[in-house]
Each structure stands twice: as structure tokens, then as C-alpha cells.
């Protein structure tokens, strides 16, 4: 299963940077694009980039900072959908 991990450290900057909304949106996008059998989005302990703006997200083995509710659709399209070209035909795109 391919994982999208959203930093949710309880006292960390990511939690204050709307990480819960980011996680919820990733989960919705996964469902909308028919990827629930292939991709999971879940909370993660600290990913070590607390000083970055926005939430820190690990997609596969890559870390992305500055993820917000305003840009999560773009991040999903560029870094998740590109791995699963059969998905997204009726979802974000």
C-alpha cells in the first residue's frame, strides 16, 4: 500500500498549520479518485521539519513542506496521481 503521511505531532508546528484539514482532504481525494485500494493517508509522528510553513507530508519516500488546505489538491495531483495514471479520470485534475 502506498502511503501519504501527514505530520500530526501533538505539540508541533504542523498540527498548528492545519494538518488535520490537510489529512482529511488527502483522504477525500484518495476516495474520489478511486485509489482507496492502493493509497492510504494517515497521521504521522513528527517528520522533523517543524520550522517549515504549512504541514509536512511524506508521499512515498519524499518529504514535502508547506502543504496547506489551499494547495493540497495540487500536491495530490502532482505527487500522487502521477504515480497512478489510471486514477483521477473523474476526480481532481
PDB file of N, CA and C in Angstrom:
ATOM      1  N   UNK A   1       0.860  -1.182   0.000  1.00  0.00           N
ATOM      2  CA  UNK A   1       0.000   0.000   0.000  1.00  0.00           C
ATOM      3  C   UNK A   1       0.898   1.234   0.000  1.00  0.00           C
ATOM      4  N   UNK A   2       0.608   2.160  -0.888  1.00  0.00           N
ATOM      5  CA  UNK A   2       1.336   3.416  -0.987  1.00  0.00           C
ATOM      6  C   UNK A   2       0.821   4.353   0.108  1.00  0.00           C
ATOM      7  N   UNK A   3       1.734   5.002   0.822  1.00  0.00           N
ATOM      8  CA  UNK A   3       1.334   5.825   1.963  1.00  0.00           C
ATOM      9  C   UNK A   3       1.594   7.318   1.753  1.00  0.00           C
ATOM     10  N   UNK A   4       0.620   8.093   2.220  1.00  0.00           N
ATOM     11  CA  UNK A   4       0.761   9.539   2.373  1.00  0.00           C
ATOM     12  C   UNK A   4       0.680   9.787   3.868  1.00  0.00           C
ATOM     13  N   UNK A   5       1.770  10.281   4.443  1.00  0.00           N
ATOM     14  CA  UNK A   5       1.817  10.537   5.882  1.00  0.00           C
ATOM     15  C   UNK A   5       1.801  12.039   6.137  1.00  0.00           C
ATOM     16  N   UNK A   6       0.921  12.479   7.013  1.00  0.00           N
ATOM     17  CA  UNK A   6       0.807  13.895   7.353  1.00  0.00           C
ATOM     18  C   UNK A   6       1.257  14.064   8.794  1.00  0.00           C
ATOM     19  N   UNK A   7       2.263  14.899   8.992  1.00  0.00           N
ATOM     20  CA  UNK A   7       2.787  15.141  10.341  1.00  0.00           C
ATOM     21  C   UNK A   7       1.681  15.685  11.231  1.00  0.00           C
ATOM     22  N   UNK A   8       1.490  15.014  12.356  1.00  0.00           N
ATOM     23  CA  UNK A   8       0.449  15.421  13.298  1.00  0.00           C
ATOM     24  C   UNK A   8       0.994  15.466  14.714  1.00  0.00           C
ATOM     25  N   UNK A   9       2.264  15.769  14.860  1.00  0.00           N
ATOM     26  CA  UNK A   9       2.870  15.859  16.191  1.00  0.00           C
ATOM     27  C   UNK A   9       2.006  16.768  17.057  1.00  0.00           C
ATOM     28  N   UNK A  10       1.601  16.284  18.193  1.00  0.00           N
ATOM     29  CA  UNK A  10       0.619  16.989  19.011  1.00  0.00           C
ATOM     30  C   UNK A  10       1.062  18.383  19.435  1.00  0.00           C
ATOM     31  N   UNK A  11       2.341  18.589  19.651  1.00  0.00           N
ATOM     32  CA  UNK A  11       2.827  19.912  20.054  1.00  0.00           C
ATOM     33  C   UNK A  11       3.619  20.597  18.953  1.00  0.00           C
ATOM     34  N   UNK A  12       3.618  20.031  17.774  1.00  0.00           N
ATOM     35  CA  UNK A  12       4.448  20.547  16.691  1.00  0.00           C
ATOM     36  C   UNK A  12       3.774  21.603  15.840  1.00  0.00           C
ATOM     37  N   UNK A  13       4.577  22.224  15.014  1.00  0.00           N
ATOM     38  CA  UNK A  13       4.104  23.285  14.136  1.00  0.00           C
ATOM     39  C   UNK A  13       3.100  22.772  13.117  1.00  0.00           C
ATOM     40  N   UNK A  14       3.273  21.554  12.624  1.00  0.00           N
ATOM     41  CA  UNK A  14       2.369  21.025  11.599  1.00  0.00           C
ATOM     42  C   UNK A  14       0.931  20.992  12.089  1.00  0.00           C
ATOM     43  N   UNK A  15       0.743  20.568  13.327  1.00  0.00           N
ATOM     44  CA  UNK A  15      -0.602  20.493  13.893  1.00  0.00           C
ATOM     45  C   UNK A  15      -1.242  21.880  13.906  1.00  0.00           C
ATOM     46  N   UNK A  16      -0.441  22.894  14.189  1.00  0.00           N
ATOM     47  CA  UNK A  16      -0.947  24.264  14.193  1.00  0.00           C
ATOM     48  C   UNK A  16      -1.144  24.803  12.780  1.00  0.00           C
ATOM     49  N   UNK A  17      -0.556  24.154  11.790  1.00  0.00           N
ATOM     50  CA  UNK A  17      -0.630  24.625  10.403  1.00  0.00           C
ATOM     51  C   UNK A  17      -1.740  23.905   9.629  1.00  0.00           C
ATOM     52  N   UNK A  18      -2.809  23.551  10.313  1.00  0.00           N
ATOM     53  CA  UNK A  18      -3.979  22.945   9.685  1.00  0.00           C
ATOM     54  C   UNK A  18      -3.728  21.560   9.121  1.00  0.00           C
ATOM     55  N   UNK A  19      -2.842  20.813   9.752  1.00  0.00           N
ATOM     56  CA  UNK A  19      -2.515  19.470   9.279  1.00  0.00           C
ATOM     57  C   UNK A  19      -3.735  18.549   9.281  1.00  0.00           C
ATOM     58  N   UNK A  20      -4.645  18.738  10.225  1.00  0.00           N
ATOM     59  CA  UNK A  20      -5.835  17.885  10.259  1.00  0.00           C
ATOM     60  C   UNK A  20      -6.672  18.074   8.996  1.00  0.00           C
ATOM     61  N   UNK A  21      -6.818  19.327   8.559  1.00  0.00           N
ATOM     62  CA  UNK A  21      -7.561  19.604   7.328  1.00  0.00           C
ATOM     63  C   UNK A  21      -6.843  19.024   6.114  1.00  0.00           C
ATOM     64  N   UNK A  22      -5.530  19.108   6.106  1.00  0.00           N
ATOM     65  CA  UNK A  22      -4.735  18.544   5.013  1.00  0.00           C
ATOM     66  C   UNK A  22      -4.943  17.034   4.947  1.00  0.00           C
ATOM     67  N   UNK A  23      -4.865  16.369   6.082  1.00  0.00           N
ATOM     68  CA  UNK A  23      -5.063  14.922   6.121  1.00  0.00           C
ATOM     69  C   UNK A  23      -6.457  14.551   5.629  1.00  0.00           C
ATOM     70  N   UNK A  24      -7.467  15.237   6.114  1.00  0.00           N
ATOM     71  CA  UNK A  24      -8.839  14.945   5.694  1.00  0.00           C
ATOM     72  C   UNK A  24      -9.008  15.128   4.188  1.00  0.00           C
ATOM     73  N   UNK A  25      -8.383  16.165   3.638  1.00  0.00           N
ATOM     74  CA  UNK A  25      -8.502  16.401   2.193  1.00  0.00           C
ATOM     75  C   UNK A  25      -7.792  15.305   1.403  1.00  0.00           C
ATOM     76  N   UNK A  26      -6.608  14.878   1.841  1.00  0.00           N
ATOM     77  CA  UNK A  26      -5.939  13.761   1.173  1.00  0.00           C
ATOM     78  C   UNK A  26      -6.834  12.528   1.185  1.00  0.00           C
ATOM     79  N   UNK A  27      -7.450  12.236   2.311  1.00  0.00           N
ATOM     80  CA  UNK A  27      -8.321  11.064   2.412  1.00  0.00           C
ATOM     81  C   UNK A  27      -9.502  11.175   1.447  1.00  0.00           C
ATOM     82  N   UNK A  28     -10.074  12.351   1.339  1.00  0.00           N
ATOM     83  CA  UNK A  28     -11.183  12.570   0.409  1.00  0.00           C
ATOM     84  C   UNK A  28     -10.733  12.401  -1.037  1.00  0.00           C
ATOM     85  N   UNK A  29      -9.590  12.984  -1.374  1.00  0.00           N
ATOM     86  CA  UNK A  29      -9.080  12.887  -2.746  1.00  0.00           C
ATOM     87  C   UNK A  29      -8.763  11.444  -3.130  1.00  0.00           C
ATOM     88  N   UNK A  30      -8.252  10.686  -2.195  1.00  0.00           N
ATOM     89  CA  UNK A  30      -7.973   9.266  -2.450  1.00  0.00           C
ATOM     90  C   UNK A  30      -9.275   8.549  -2.800  1.00  0.00           C
ATOM     91  N   UNK A  31     -10.312   8.792  -2.035  1.00  0.00           N
ATOM     92  CA  UNK A  31     -11.615   8.173  -2.304  1.00  0.00           C
ATOM     93  C   UNK A  31     -12.185   8.630  -3.645  1.00  0.00           C
ATOM     94  N   UNK A  32     -12.177   9.936  -3.878  1.00  0.00           N
ATOM     95  CA  UNK A  32     -12.756  10.498  -5.101  1.00  0.00           C
ATOM     96  C   UNK A  32     -12.074   9.989  -6.365  1.00  0.00           C
ATOM     97  N   UNK A  33     -10.822   9.630  -6.253  1.00  0.00           N
ATOM     98  CA  UNK A  33     -10.056   9.188  -7.409  1.00  0.00           C
ATOM     99  C   UNK A  33      -9.918   7.672  -7.499  1.00  0.00           C
ATOM    100  N   UNK A  34     -10.691   6.961  -6.695  1.00  0.00           N
ATOM    101  CA  UNK A  34     -10.724   5.511  -6.766  1.00  0.00           C
ATOM    102  C   UNK A  34      -9.426   4.827  -6.365  1.00  0.00           C
ATOM    103  N   UNK A  35      -8.705   5.416  -5.436  1.00  0.00           N
ATOM    104  CA  UNK A  35      -7.409   4.871  -5.038  1.00  0.00           C
ATOM    105  C   UNK A  35      -7.398   4.225  -3.661  1.00  0.00           C
ATOM    106  N   UNK A  36      -8.552   4.021  -3.073  1.00  0.00           N
ATOM    107  CA  UNK A  36      -8.613   3.510  -1.699  1.00  0.00           C
ATOM    108  C   UNK A  36      -7.960   2.137  -1.538  1.00  0.00           C
ATOM    109  N   UNK A  37      -7.903   1.362  -2.592  1.00  0.00           N
ATOM    110  CA  UNK A  37      -7.269   0.039  -2.524  1.00  0.00           C
ATOM    111  C   UNK A  37      -5.751   0.118  -2.679  1.00  0.00           C
ATOM    112  N   UNK A  38      -5.248   1.269  -3.135  1.00  0.00           N
ATOM    113  CA  UNK A  38      -3.823   1.408  -3.429  1.00  0.00           C
ATOM    114  C   UNK A  38      -3.093   2.425  -2.558  1.00  0.00           C
ATOM    115  N   UNK A  39      -3.828   3.410  -2.057  1.00  0.00           N
ATOM    116  CA  UNK A  39      -3.203   4.528  -1.338  1.00  0.00           C
ATOM    117  C   UNK A  39      -3.922   4.743  -0.017  1.00  0.00           C
ATOM    118  N   UNK A  40      -3.149   5.024   1.015  1.00  0.00           N
ATOM    119  CA  UNK A  40      -3.725   5.397   2.300  1.00  0.00           C
ATOM    120  C   UNK A  40      -3.089   6.698   2.767  1.00  0.00           C
ATOM    121  N   UNK A  41      -3.887   7.532   3.403  1.00  0.00           N
ATOM    122  CA  UNK A  41      -3.378   8.760   4.027  1.00  0.00           C
ATOM    123  C   UNK A  41      -3.637   8.624   5.516  1.00  0.00           C
ATOM    124  N   UNK A  42      -2.595   8.866   6.297  1.00  0.00           N
ATOM    125  CA  UNK A  42      -2.754   8.706   7.735  1.00  0.00           C
ATOM    126  C   UNK A  42      -1.834   9.662   8.482  1.00  0.00           C
ATOM    127  N   UNK A  43      -2.135   9.902   9.759  1.00  0.00           N
ATOM    128  CA  UNK A  43      -1.287  10.785  10.557  1.00  0.00           C
ATOM    129  C   UNK A  43       0.053  10.129  10.840  1.00  0.00           C
ATOM    130  N   UNK A  44       1.038  10.973  11.045  1.00  0.00           N
ATOM    131  CA  UNK A  44       2.394  10.512  11.334  1.00  0.00           C
ATOM    132  C   UNK A  44       2.936  11.280  12.527  1.00  0.00           C
ATOM    133  N   UNK A  45       3.836  10.662  13.281  1.00  0.00           N
ATOM    134  CA  UNK A  45       4.562  11.440  14.279  1.00  0.00           C
ATOM    135  C   UNK A  45       5.454  12.459  13.556  1.00  0.00           C
ATOM    136  N   UNK A  46       6.133  13.254  14.287  1.00  0.00           N
ATOM    137  CA  UNK A  46       6.960  14.323  13.728  1.00  0.00           C
ATOM    138  C   UNK A  46       7.851  13.811  12.592  1.00  0.00           C
ATOM    139  N   UNK A  47       7.852  14.557  11.493  1.00  0.00           N
ATOM    140  CA  UNK A  47       8.690  14.229  10.342  1.00  0.00           C
ATOM    141  C   UNK A  47       9.972  15.062  10.313  1.00  0.00           C
ATOM    142  N   UNK A  48      10.186  15.880  11.344  1.00  0.00           N
ATOM    143  CA  UNK A  48      11.463  16.551  11.532  1.00  0.00           C
ATOM    144  C   UNK A  48      11.670  17.875  10.829  1.00  0.00           C
ATOM    145  N   UNK A  49      10.616  18.452  10.279  1.00  0.00           N
ATOM    146  CA  UNK A  49      10.762  19.743   9.592  1.00  0.00           C
ATOM    147  C   UNK A  49       9.816  20.778  10.201  1.00  0.00           C
ATOM    148  N   UNK A  50       9.853  20.886  11.503  1.00  0.00           N
ATOM    149  CA  UNK A  50       8.905  21.718  12.252  1.00  0.00           C
ATOM    150  C   UNK A  50       8.999  23.207  11.940  1.00  0.00           C
ATOM    151  N   UNK A  51      10.121  23.667  11.469  1.00  0.00           N
ATOM    152  CA  UNK A  51      10.273  25.099  11.221  1.00  0.00           C
ATOM    153  C   UNK A  51       9.683  25.533   9.876  1.00  0.00           C
ATOM    154  N   UNK A  52       9.271  24.591   9.057  1.00  0.00           N
ATOM    155  CA  UNK A  52       8.700  24.909   7.750  1.00  0.00           C
ATOM    156  C   UNK A  52       7.275  25.427   7.906  1.00  0.00           C
ATOM    157  N   UNK A  53       6.865  26.285   7.002  1.00  0.00           N
ATOM    158  CA  UNK A  53       5.477  26.745   6.979  1.00  0.00           C
ATOM    159  C   UNK A  53       4.590  25.626   6.461  1.00  0.00           C
ATOM    160  N   UNK A  54       3.342  25.605   6.906  1.00  0.00           N
ATOM    161  CA  UNK A  54       2.415  24.580   6.465  1.00  0.00           C
ATOM    162  C   UNK A  54       2.745  23.232   7.076  1.00  0.00           C
ATOM    163  N   UNK A  55       1.976  22.238   6.686  1.00  0.00           N
ATOM    164  CA  UNK A  55       2.196  20.885   7.186  1.00  0.00           C
ATOM    165  C   UNK A  55       3.292  20.202   6.383  1.00  0.00           C
ATOM    166  N   UNK A  56       3.981  19.285   7.030  1.00  0.00           N
ATOM    167  CA  UNK A  56       4.960  18.444   6.345  1.00  0.00           C
ATOM    168  C   UNK A  56       4.269  17.128   6.019  1.00  0.00           C
ATOM    169  N   UNK A  57       4.440  16.704   4.757  1.00  0.00           N
ATOM    170  CA  UNK A  57       3.785  15.496   4.269  1.00  0.00           C
ATOM    171  C   UNK A  57       4.838  14.601   3.634  1.00  0.00           C
ATOM    172  N   UNK A  58       4.768  13.316   3.940  1.00  0.00           N
ATOM    173  CA  UNK A  58       5.631  12.336   3.285  1.00  0.00           C
ATOM    174  C   UNK A  58       4.773  11.564   2.303  1.00  0.00           C
ATOM    175  N   UNK A  59       5.154  11.617   1.030  1.00  0.00           N
ATOM    176  CA  UNK A  59       4.468  10.887  -0.030  1.00  0.00           C
ATOM    177  C   UNK A  59       5.464   9.877  -0.572  1.00  0.00           C
ATOM    178  N   UNK A  60       5.185   8.614  -0.305  1.00  0.00           N
ATOM    179  CA  UNK A  60       6.183   7.593  -0.624  1.00  0.00           C
ATOM    180  C   UNK A  60       7.399   7.818   0.258  1.00  0.00           C
ATOM    181  N   UNK A  61       8.545   8.071  -0.357  1.00  0.00           N
ATOM    182  CA  UNK A  61       9.766   8.323   0.413  1.00  0.00           C
ATOM    183  C   UNK A  61      10.176   9.790   0.384  1.00  0.00           C
ATOM    184  N   UNK A  62       9.364  10.651  -0.237  1.00  0.00           N
ATOM    185  CA  UNK A  62       9.703  12.066  -0.380  1.00  0.00           C
ATOM    186  C   UNK A  62       8.949  12.928   0.621  1.00  0.00           C
ATOM    187  N   UNK A  63       9.643  13.936   1.160  1.00  0.00           N
ATOM    188  CA  UNK A  63       9.033  14.884   2.091  1.00  0.00           C
ATOM    189  C   UNK A  63       8.698  16.177   1.375  1.00  0.00           C
ATOM    190  N   UNK A  64       7.521  16.719   1.699  1.00  0.00           N
ATOM    191  CA  UNK A  64       7.074  17.999   1.135  1.00  0.00           C
ATOM    192  C   UNK A  64       6.653  18.888   2.291  1.00  0.00           C
ATOM    193  N   UNK A  65       7.086  20.120   2.267  1.00  0.00           N
ATOM    194  CA  UNK A  65       6.704  21.069   3.300  1.00  0.00           C
ATOM    195  C   UNK A  65       5.777  22.118   2.691  1.00  0.00           C
ATOM    196  N   UNK A  66       5.146  22.879   3.556  1.00  0.00           N
ATOM    197  CA  UNK A  66       4.291  23.959   3.091  1.00  0.00           C
ATOM    198  C   UNK A  66       2.962  23.499   2.538  1.00  0.00           C
ATOM    199  N   UNK A  67       2.519  22.298   2.903  1.00  0.00           N
ATOM    200  CA  UNK A  67       1.240  21.801   2.407  1.00  0.00           C
ATOM    201  C   UNK A  67       0.126  22.388   3.271  1.00  0.00           C
ATOM    202  N   UNK A  68      -0.836  22.997   2.612  1.00  0.00           N
ATOM    203  CA  UNK A  68      -1.947  23.665   3.294  1.00  0.00           C
ATOM    204  C   UNK A  68      -3.264  23.236   2.653  1.00  0.00           C
ATOM    205  N   UNK A  69      -4.386  23.553   3.293  1.00  0.00           N
ATOM    206  CA  UNK A  69      -5.669  23.262   2.652  1.00  0.00           C
ATOM    207  C   UNK A  69      -5.799  23.946   1.283  1.00  0.00           C
ATOM    208  N   UNK A  70      -5.131  25.051   1.099  1.00  0.00           N
ATOM    209  CA  UNK A  70      -5.214  25.781  -0.170  1.00  0.00           C
ATOM    210  C   UNK A  70      -4.461  25.100  -1.312  1.00  0.00           C
ATOM    211  N   UNK A  71      -3.415  24.313  -1.000  1.00  0.00           N
ATOM    212  CA  UNK A  71      -2.620  23.714  -2.080  1.00  0.00           C
ATOM    213  C   UNK A  71      -2.596  22.189  -2.066  1.00  0.00           C
ATOM    214  N   UNK A  72      -3.358  21.571  -1.179  1.00  0.00           N
ATOM    215  CA  UNK A  72      -3.307  20.114  -1.072  1.00  0.00           C
ATOM    216  C   UNK A  72      -3.807  19.427  -2.350  1.00  0.00           C
ATOM    217  N   UNK A  73      -4.778  20.003  -3.041  1.00  0.00           N
ATOM    218  CA  UNK A  73      -5.244  19.396  -4.289  1.00  0.00           C
ATOM    219  C   UNK A  73      -4.110  19.361  -5.324  1.00  0.00           C
ATOM    220  N   UNK A  74      -3.375  20.440  -5.410  1.00  0.00           N
ATOM    221  CA  UNK A  74      -2.229  20.495  -6.334  1.00  0.00           C
ATOM    222  C   UNK A  74      -1.182  19.439  -5.957  1.00  0.00           C
ATOM    223  N   UNK A  75      -0.851  19.359  -4.687  1.00  0.00           N
ATOM    224  CA  UNK A  75       0.147  18.383  -4.221  1.00  0.00           C
ATOM    225  C   UNK A  75      -0.317  16.969  -4.560  1.00  0.00           C
ATOM    226  N   UNK A  76      -1.574  16.675  -4.321  1.00  0.00           N
ATOM    227  CA  UNK A  76      -2.116  15.363  -4.631  1.00  0.00           C
ATOM    228  C   UNK A  76      -1.999  15.065  -6.126  1.00  0.00           C
ATOM    229  N   UNK A  77      -2.412  16.013  -6.932  1.00  0.00           N
ATOM    230  CA  UNK A  77      -2.374  15.828  -8.392  1.00  0.00           C
ATOM    231  C   UNK A  77      -0.952  15.614  -8.892  1.00  0.00           C
ATOM    232  N   UNK A  78      -0.027  16.419  -8.414  1.00  0.00           N
ATOM    233  CA  UNK A  78       1.349  16.380  -8.914  1.00  0.00           C
ATOM    234  C   UNK A  78       2.179  15.224  -8.367  1.00  0.00           C
ATOM    235  N   UNK A  79       1.908  14.800  -7.138  1.00  0.00           N
ATOM    236  CA  UNK A  79       2.799  13.838  -6.496  1.00  0.00           C
ATOM    237  C   UNK A  79       2.158  12.493  -6.140  1.00  0.00           C
ATOM    238  N   UNK A  80       0.844  12.380  -6.267  1.00  0.00           N
ATOM    239  CA  UNK A  80       0.188  11.093  -6.043  1.00  0.00           C
ATOM    240  C   UNK A  80      -0.421  10.584  -7.348  1.00  0.00           C
ATOM    241  N   UNK A  81      -1.254  11.402  -7.978  1.00  0.00           N
ATOM    242  CA  UNK A  81      -1.901  10.944  -9.212  1.00  0.00           C
ATOM    243  C   UNK A  81      -0.909  10.581 -10.303  1.00  0.00           C
ATOM    244  N   UNK A  82       0.237  11.237 -10.334  1.00  0.00           N
ATOM    245  CA  UNK A  82       1.220  10.927 -11.368  1.00  0.00           C
ATOM    246  C   UNK A  82       1.755   9.504 -11.232  1.00  0.00           C
ATOM    247  N   UNK A  83       1.672   8.930 -10.051  1.00  0.00           N
ATOM    248  CA  UNK A  83       2.140   7.564  -9.811  1.00  0.00           C
ATOM    249  C   UNK A  83       1.084   6.540 -10.246  1.00  0.00           C
ATOM    250  N   UNK A  84      -0.167   6.979 -10.260  1.00  0.00           N
ATOM    251  CA  UNK A  84      -1.290   6.102 -10.601  1.00  0.00           C
ATOM    252  C   UNK A  84      -2.050   6.696 -11.784  1.00  0.00           C
ATOM    253  N   UNK A  85      -1.515   6.576 -12.998  1.00  0.00           N
ATOM    254  CA  UNK A  85      -2.125   7.233 -14.160  1.00  0.00           C
ATOM    255  C   UNK A  85      -3.536   6.766 -14.473  1.00  0.00           C
ATOM    256  N   UNK A  86      -3.929   5.587 -14.017  1.00  0.00           N
ATOM    257  CA  UNK A  86      -5.285   5.096 -14.280  1.00  0.00           C
ATOM    258  C   UNK A  86      -6.317   5.803 -13.405  1.00  0.00           C
ATOM    259  N   UNK A  87      -5.871   6.461 -12.368  1.00  0.00           N
ATOM    260  CA  UNK A  87      -6.771   7.149 -11.437  1.00  0.00           C
ATOM    261  C   UNK A  87      -6.987   8.585 -11.885  1.00  0.00           C
ATOM    262  N   UNK A  88      -7.927   9.220 -11.240  1.00  0.00           N
ATOM    263  CA  UNK A  88      -8.122  10.638 -11.447  1.00  0.00           C
ATOM    264  C   UNK A  88      -8.910  11.011 -12.674  1.00  0.00           C
ATOM    265  N   UNK A  89      -9.468  10.048 -13.368  1.00  0.00           N
ATOM    266  CA  UNK A  89     -10.205  10.360 -14.587  1.00  0.00           C
ATOM    267  C   UNK A  89     -11.470  11.158 -14.301  1.00  0.00           C
ATOM    268  N   UNK A  90     -12.045  10.947 -13.112  1.00  0.00           N
ATOM    269  CA  UNK A  90     -13.251  11.683 -12.774  1.00  0.00           C
ATOM    270  C   UNK A  90     -13.046  12.574 -11.556  1.00  0.00           C
ATOM    271  N   UNK A  91     -11.855  12.559 -10.988  1.00  0.00           N
ATOM    272  CA  UNK A  91     -11.600  13.342  -9.782  1.00  0.00           C
ATOM    273  C   UNK A  91     -10.855  14.618 -10.089  1.00  0.00           C
ATOM    274  N   UNK A  92      -9.960  14.970  -9.199  1.00  0.00           N
ATOM    275  CA  UNK A  92      -9.176  16.197  -9.326  1.00  0.00           C
ATOM    276  C   UNK A  92      -8.351  16.127 -10.588  1.00  0.00           C
ATOM    277  N   UNK A  93      -8.292  17.192 -11.293  1.00  0.00           N
ATOM    278  CA  UNK A  93      -7.454  17.137 -12.482  1.00  0.00           C
ATOM    279  C   UNK A  93      -7.674  18.279 -13.309  1.00  0.00           C
TER     280      UNK A  93
END
